[in-house]
């Protein structure tokens, strides 16, 4: 079973000054085929270019893509394509879950992991209450 890493894990791994960097790096050996999906890829790229998140270390689009490519090119990281059935699982979540700040992206990641048979790795404790989701929730 592969691991779908939430963007909060990818950022912690990539940014040495991130408050959870050491925790994420120490857990790396526990991850099985750590993977991006399209949503986590785009969120990672977007946040690397966000001055609020990155401060003086904000990256250009080119530098952000270079950072992503270095992760993917390492041979230890995969890109998971959308599994069949994702749309119906996402729709199921849309009509049964309470809407909150990260509602749609969280629903997408949970649905993706469930349908793809992946474990979701995150710092977000909210995923612990999603029925049928195999998750590894790291403490900060």
C-alpha atoms as a PDB file:
ATOM      1  CA  UNK A   1       0.000   0.000   0.000  1.00  0.00           C
ATOM      2  CA  UNK A   2       1.394   3.395  -1.017  1.00  0.00           C
ATOM      3  CA  UNK A   3       1.174   6.577   1.058  1.00  0.00           C
ATOM      4  CA  UNK A   4      -0.558   9.712  -0.196  1.00  0.00           C
ATOM      5  CA  UNK A   5       1.194  12.596   1.554  1.00  0.00           C
ATOM      6  CA  UNK A   6      -0.822  15.707   2.385  1.00  0.00           C
ATOM      7  CA  UNK A   7       0.720  19.009   1.332  1.00  0.00           C
ATOM      8  CA  UNK A   8       1.503  19.822   4.977  1.00  0.00           C
ATOM      9  CA  UNK A   9       3.880  16.847   4.993  1.00  0.00           C
ATOM     10  CA  UNK A  10       5.490  17.791   1.665  1.00  0.00           C
ATOM     11  CA  UNK A  11       6.124  21.352   2.876  1.00  0.00           C
ATOM     12  CA  UNK A  12       7.568  20.139   6.168  1.00  0.00           C
ATOM     13  CA  UNK A  13       9.901  17.805   4.288  1.00  0.00           C
ATOM     14  CA  UNK A  14      11.035  20.422   1.779  1.00  0.00           C
ATOM     15  CA  UNK A  15      11.467  23.466   4.027  1.00  0.00           C
ATOM     16  CA  UNK A  16      14.181  23.149   6.652  1.00  0.00           C
ATOM     17  CA  UNK A  17      12.853  26.068   8.713  1.00  0.00           C
ATOM     18  CA  UNK A  18       9.343  24.557   8.807  1.00  0.00           C
ATOM     19  CA  UNK A  19       8.342  23.911  12.451  1.00  0.00           C
ATOM     20  CA  UNK A  20       7.591  20.248  11.663  1.00  0.00           C
ATOM     21  CA  UNK A  21      10.598  19.609   9.397  1.00  0.00           C
ATOM     22  CA  UNK A  22      12.469  17.370  11.840  1.00  0.00           C
ATOM     23  CA  UNK A  23       9.348  15.351  12.634  1.00  0.00           C
ATOM     24  CA  UNK A  24       8.529  14.808   8.955  1.00  0.00           C
ATOM     25  CA  UNK A  25      12.110  13.854   8.098  1.00  0.00           C
ATOM     26  CA  UNK A  26      12.301  11.447  11.042  1.00  0.00           C
ATOM     27  CA  UNK A  27       9.117   9.713   9.825  1.00  0.00           C
ATOM     28  CA  UNK A  28      10.283   9.441   6.187  1.00  0.00           C
ATOM     29  CA  UNK A  29      11.540   5.838   6.619  1.00  0.00           C
ATOM     30  CA  UNK A  30       8.007   4.792   7.638  1.00  0.00           C
ATOM     31  CA  UNK A  31       6.423   6.046   4.413  1.00  0.00           C
ATOM     32  CA  UNK A  32       5.686   3.473   1.730  1.00  0.00           C
ATOM     33  CA  UNK A  33       6.033   4.818  -1.814  1.00  0.00           C
ATOM     34  CA  UNK A  34       5.317   8.430  -0.758  1.00  0.00           C
ATOM     35  CA  UNK A  35       3.108   9.961  -3.429  1.00  0.00           C
ATOM     36  CA  UNK A  36       1.762  13.228  -4.728  1.00  0.00           C
ATOM     37  CA  UNK A  37      -1.613  13.486  -6.417  1.00  0.00           C
ATOM     38  CA  UNK A  38      -2.553  16.395  -8.667  1.00  0.00           C
ATOM     39  CA  UNK A  39      -4.101  18.330  -5.769  1.00  0.00           C
ATOM     40  CA  UNK A  40      -1.089  17.971  -3.465  1.00  0.00           C
ATOM     41  CA  UNK A  41       1.273  18.776  -6.350  1.00  0.00           C
ATOM     42  CA  UNK A  42      -0.554  22.006  -7.155  1.00  0.00           C
ATOM     43  CA  UNK A  43      -0.893  22.991  -3.495  1.00  0.00           C
ATOM     44  CA  UNK A  44       2.828  22.374  -2.968  1.00  0.00           C
ATOM     45  CA  UNK A  45       3.753  24.521  -5.973  1.00  0.00           C
ATOM     46  CA  UNK A  46       1.315  27.261  -4.947  1.00  0.00           C
ATOM     47  CA  UNK A  47       2.526  27.427  -1.356  1.00  0.00           C
ATOM     48  CA  UNK A  48       6.212  27.527  -2.280  1.00  0.00           C
ATOM     49  CA  UNK A  49       5.401  30.741  -4.160  1.00  0.00           C
ATOM     50  CA  UNK A  50       3.337  32.244  -1.328  1.00  0.00           C
ATOM     51  CA  UNK A  51       5.159  34.991   0.587  1.00  0.00           C
ATOM     52  CA  UNK A  52       2.966  34.494   3.681  1.00  0.00           C
ATOM     53  CA  UNK A  53       4.056  30.865   3.894  1.00  0.00           C
ATOM     54  CA  UNK A  54       7.626  31.198   2.660  1.00  0.00           C
ATOM     55  CA  UNK A  55       8.603  34.675   3.877  1.00  0.00           C
ATOM     56  CA  UNK A  56      11.901  35.797   2.363  1.00  0.00           C
ATOM     57  CA  UNK A  57      12.410  32.278   0.966  1.00  0.00           C
ATOM     58  CA  UNK A  58       9.476  32.571  -1.457  1.00  0.00           C
ATOM     59  CA  UNK A  59      10.187  30.752  -4.729  1.00  0.00           C
ATOM     60  CA  UNK A  60       9.424  31.700  -8.300  1.00  0.00           C
ATOM     61  CA  UNK A  61       7.256  29.387 -10.375  1.00  0.00           C
ATOM     62  CA  UNK A  62      10.387  28.019 -12.052  1.00  0.00           C
ATOM     63  CA  UNK A  63      12.131  27.379  -8.711  1.00  0.00           C
ATOM     64  CA  UNK A  64       8.966  25.804  -7.269  1.00  0.00           C
ATOM     65  CA  UNK A  65       8.751  23.416 -10.222  1.00  0.00           C
ATOM     66  CA  UNK A  66      12.463  22.615  -9.830  1.00  0.00           C
ATOM     67  CA  UNK A  67      11.852  21.709  -6.158  1.00  0.00           C
ATOM     68  CA  UNK A  68       8.924  19.467  -7.148  1.00  0.00           C
ATOM     69  CA  UNK A  69      10.927  17.828  -9.950  1.00  0.00           C
ATOM     70  CA  UNK A  70      13.815  17.118  -7.579  1.00  0.00           C
ATOM     71  CA  UNK A  71      11.415  15.261  -5.278  1.00  0.00           C
ATOM     72  CA  UNK A  72       9.808  13.288  -8.099  1.00  0.00           C
ATOM     73  CA  UNK A  73      13.174  12.646  -9.728  1.00  0.00           C
ATOM     74  CA  UNK A  74      14.673  11.229  -6.533  1.00  0.00           C
ATOM     75  CA  UNK A  75      13.311   7.787  -7.326  1.00  0.00           C
ATOM     76  CA  UNK A  76      11.681   7.622  -3.885  1.00  0.00           C
ATOM     77  CA  UNK A  77       8.542   9.623  -4.718  1.00  0.00           C
ATOM     78  CA  UNK A  78       5.624   8.734  -6.973  1.00  0.00           C
ATOM     79  CA  UNK A  79       2.795  10.581  -8.666  1.00  0.00           C
ATOM     80  CA  UNK A  80      -0.580   8.863  -8.258  1.00  0.00           C
ATOM     81  CA  UNK A  81      -3.161   9.405 -10.976  1.00  0.00           C
ATOM     82  CA  UNK A  82      -6.836   9.692 -10.107  1.00  0.00           C
ATOM     83  CA  UNK A  83      -8.368   6.284  -9.483  1.00  0.00           C
ATOM     84  CA  UNK A  84     -11.630   5.171 -11.068  1.00  0.00           C
ATOM     85  CA  UNK A  85     -14.524   5.787  -8.698  1.00  0.00           C
ATOM     86  CA  UNK A  86     -13.039   8.921  -7.148  1.00  0.00           C
ATOM     87  CA  UNK A  87     -15.901  11.118  -8.362  1.00  0.00           C
ATOM     88  CA  UNK A  88     -18.631   9.041  -6.748  1.00  0.00           C
ATOM     89  CA  UNK A  89     -16.726   8.794  -3.430  1.00  0.00           C
ATOM     90  CA  UNK A  90     -16.176  12.563  -3.452  1.00  0.00           C
ATOM     91  CA  UNK A  91     -19.894  13.085  -4.124  1.00  0.00           C
ATOM     92  CA  UNK A  92     -20.722  10.757  -1.221  1.00  0.00           C
ATOM     93  CA  UNK A  93     -18.554  12.897   1.076  1.00  0.00           C
ATOM     94  CA  UNK A  94     -20.135  16.066  -0.314  1.00  0.00           C
ATOM     95  CA  UNK A  95     -23.579  15.034   0.859  1.00  0.00           C
ATOM     96  CA  UNK A  96     -22.621  13.430   4.179  1.00  0.00           C
ATOM     97  CA  UNK A  97     -19.852  15.578   5.715  1.00  0.00           C
ATOM     98  CA  UNK A  98     -20.052  18.866   7.555  1.00  0.00           C
ATOM     99  CA  UNK A  99     -18.584  21.753   5.574  1.00  0.00           C
ATOM    100  CA  UNK A 100     -15.509  23.415   7.082  1.00  0.00           C
ATOM    101  CA  UNK A 101     -12.573  25.522   5.869  1.00  0.00           C
ATOM    102  CA  UNK A 102     -10.739  22.822   3.925  1.00  0.00           C
ATOM    103  CA  UNK A 103     -13.884  20.878   3.137  1.00  0.00           C
ATOM    104  CA  UNK A 104     -13.434  20.242  -0.583  1.00  0.00           C
ATOM    105  CA  UNK A 105      -9.703  19.583  -0.611  1.00  0.00           C
ATOM    106  CA  UNK A 106      -9.895  17.400   2.505  1.00  0.00           C
ATOM    107  CA  UNK A 107     -12.833  15.486   1.037  1.00  0.00           C
ATOM    108  CA  UNK A 108     -10.904  15.004  -2.199  1.00  0.00           C
ATOM    109  CA  UNK A 109      -7.792  13.689  -0.426  1.00  0.00           C
ATOM    110  CA  UNK A 110      -9.797  11.321   1.777  1.00  0.00           C
ATOM    111  CA  UNK A 111     -11.822  10.040  -1.184  1.00  0.00           C
ATOM    112  CA  UNK A 112      -8.661   9.646  -3.273  1.00  0.00           C
ATOM    113  CA  UNK A 113      -6.885   7.649  -0.563  1.00  0.00           C
ATOM    114  CA  UNK A 114      -9.881   5.402   0.091  1.00  0.00           C
ATOM    115  CA  UNK A 115     -10.637   4.632  -3.554  1.00  0.00           C
ATOM    116  CA  UNK A 116      -6.951   4.163  -4.445  1.00  0.00           C
ATOM    117  CA  UNK A 117      -6.333   1.943  -1.410  1.00  0.00           C
ATOM    118  CA  UNK A 118      -3.682   4.319  -0.088  1.00  0.00           C
ATOM    119  CA  UNK A 119      -2.831   5.509   3.402  1.00  0.00           C
ATOM    120  CA  UNK A 120      -3.128   9.280   3.881  1.00  0.00           C
ATOM    121  CA  UNK A 121      -0.196  10.793   5.796  1.00  0.00           C
ATOM    122  CA  UNK A 122      -0.880  14.205   7.334  1.00  0.00           C
ATOM    123  CA  UNK A 123      -0.479  16.480  10.323  1.00  0.00           C
ATOM    124  CA  UNK A 124      -4.230  17.272  10.164  1.00  0.00           C
ATOM    125  CA  UNK A 125      -6.008  15.522  13.044  1.00  0.00           C
ATOM    126  CA  UNK A 126      -9.369  16.089  11.340  1.00  0.00           C
ATOM    127  CA  UNK A 127      -8.748  13.128   9.060  1.00  0.00           C
ATOM    128  CA  UNK A 128      -8.910  10.800  12.067  1.00  0.00           C
ATOM    129  CA  UNK A 129     -12.708  10.950  12.004  1.00  0.00           C
ATOM    130  CA  UNK A 130     -13.180   9.912   8.363  1.00  0.00           C
ATOM    131  CA  UNK A 131     -14.813   6.478   8.192  1.00  0.00           C
ATOM    132  CA  UNK A 132     -12.946   3.962   6.056  1.00  0.00           C
ATOM    133  CA  UNK A 133      -9.805   6.089   5.746  1.00  0.00           C
ATOM    134  CA  UNK A 134      -6.449   4.510   6.527  1.00  0.00           C
ATOM    135  CA  UNK A 135      -4.376   7.385   7.865  1.00  0.00           C
ATOM    136  CA  UNK A 136      -1.148   8.130   9.619  1.00  0.00           C
ATOM    137  CA  UNK A 137      -1.554  11.373  11.541  1.00  0.00           C
ATOM    138  CA  UNK A 138       1.746  12.794  12.702  1.00  0.00           C
ATOM    139  CA  UNK A 139       1.943  14.959  15.781  1.00  0.00           C
ATOM    140  CA  UNK A 140       3.805  18.229  15.381  1.00  0.00           C
END
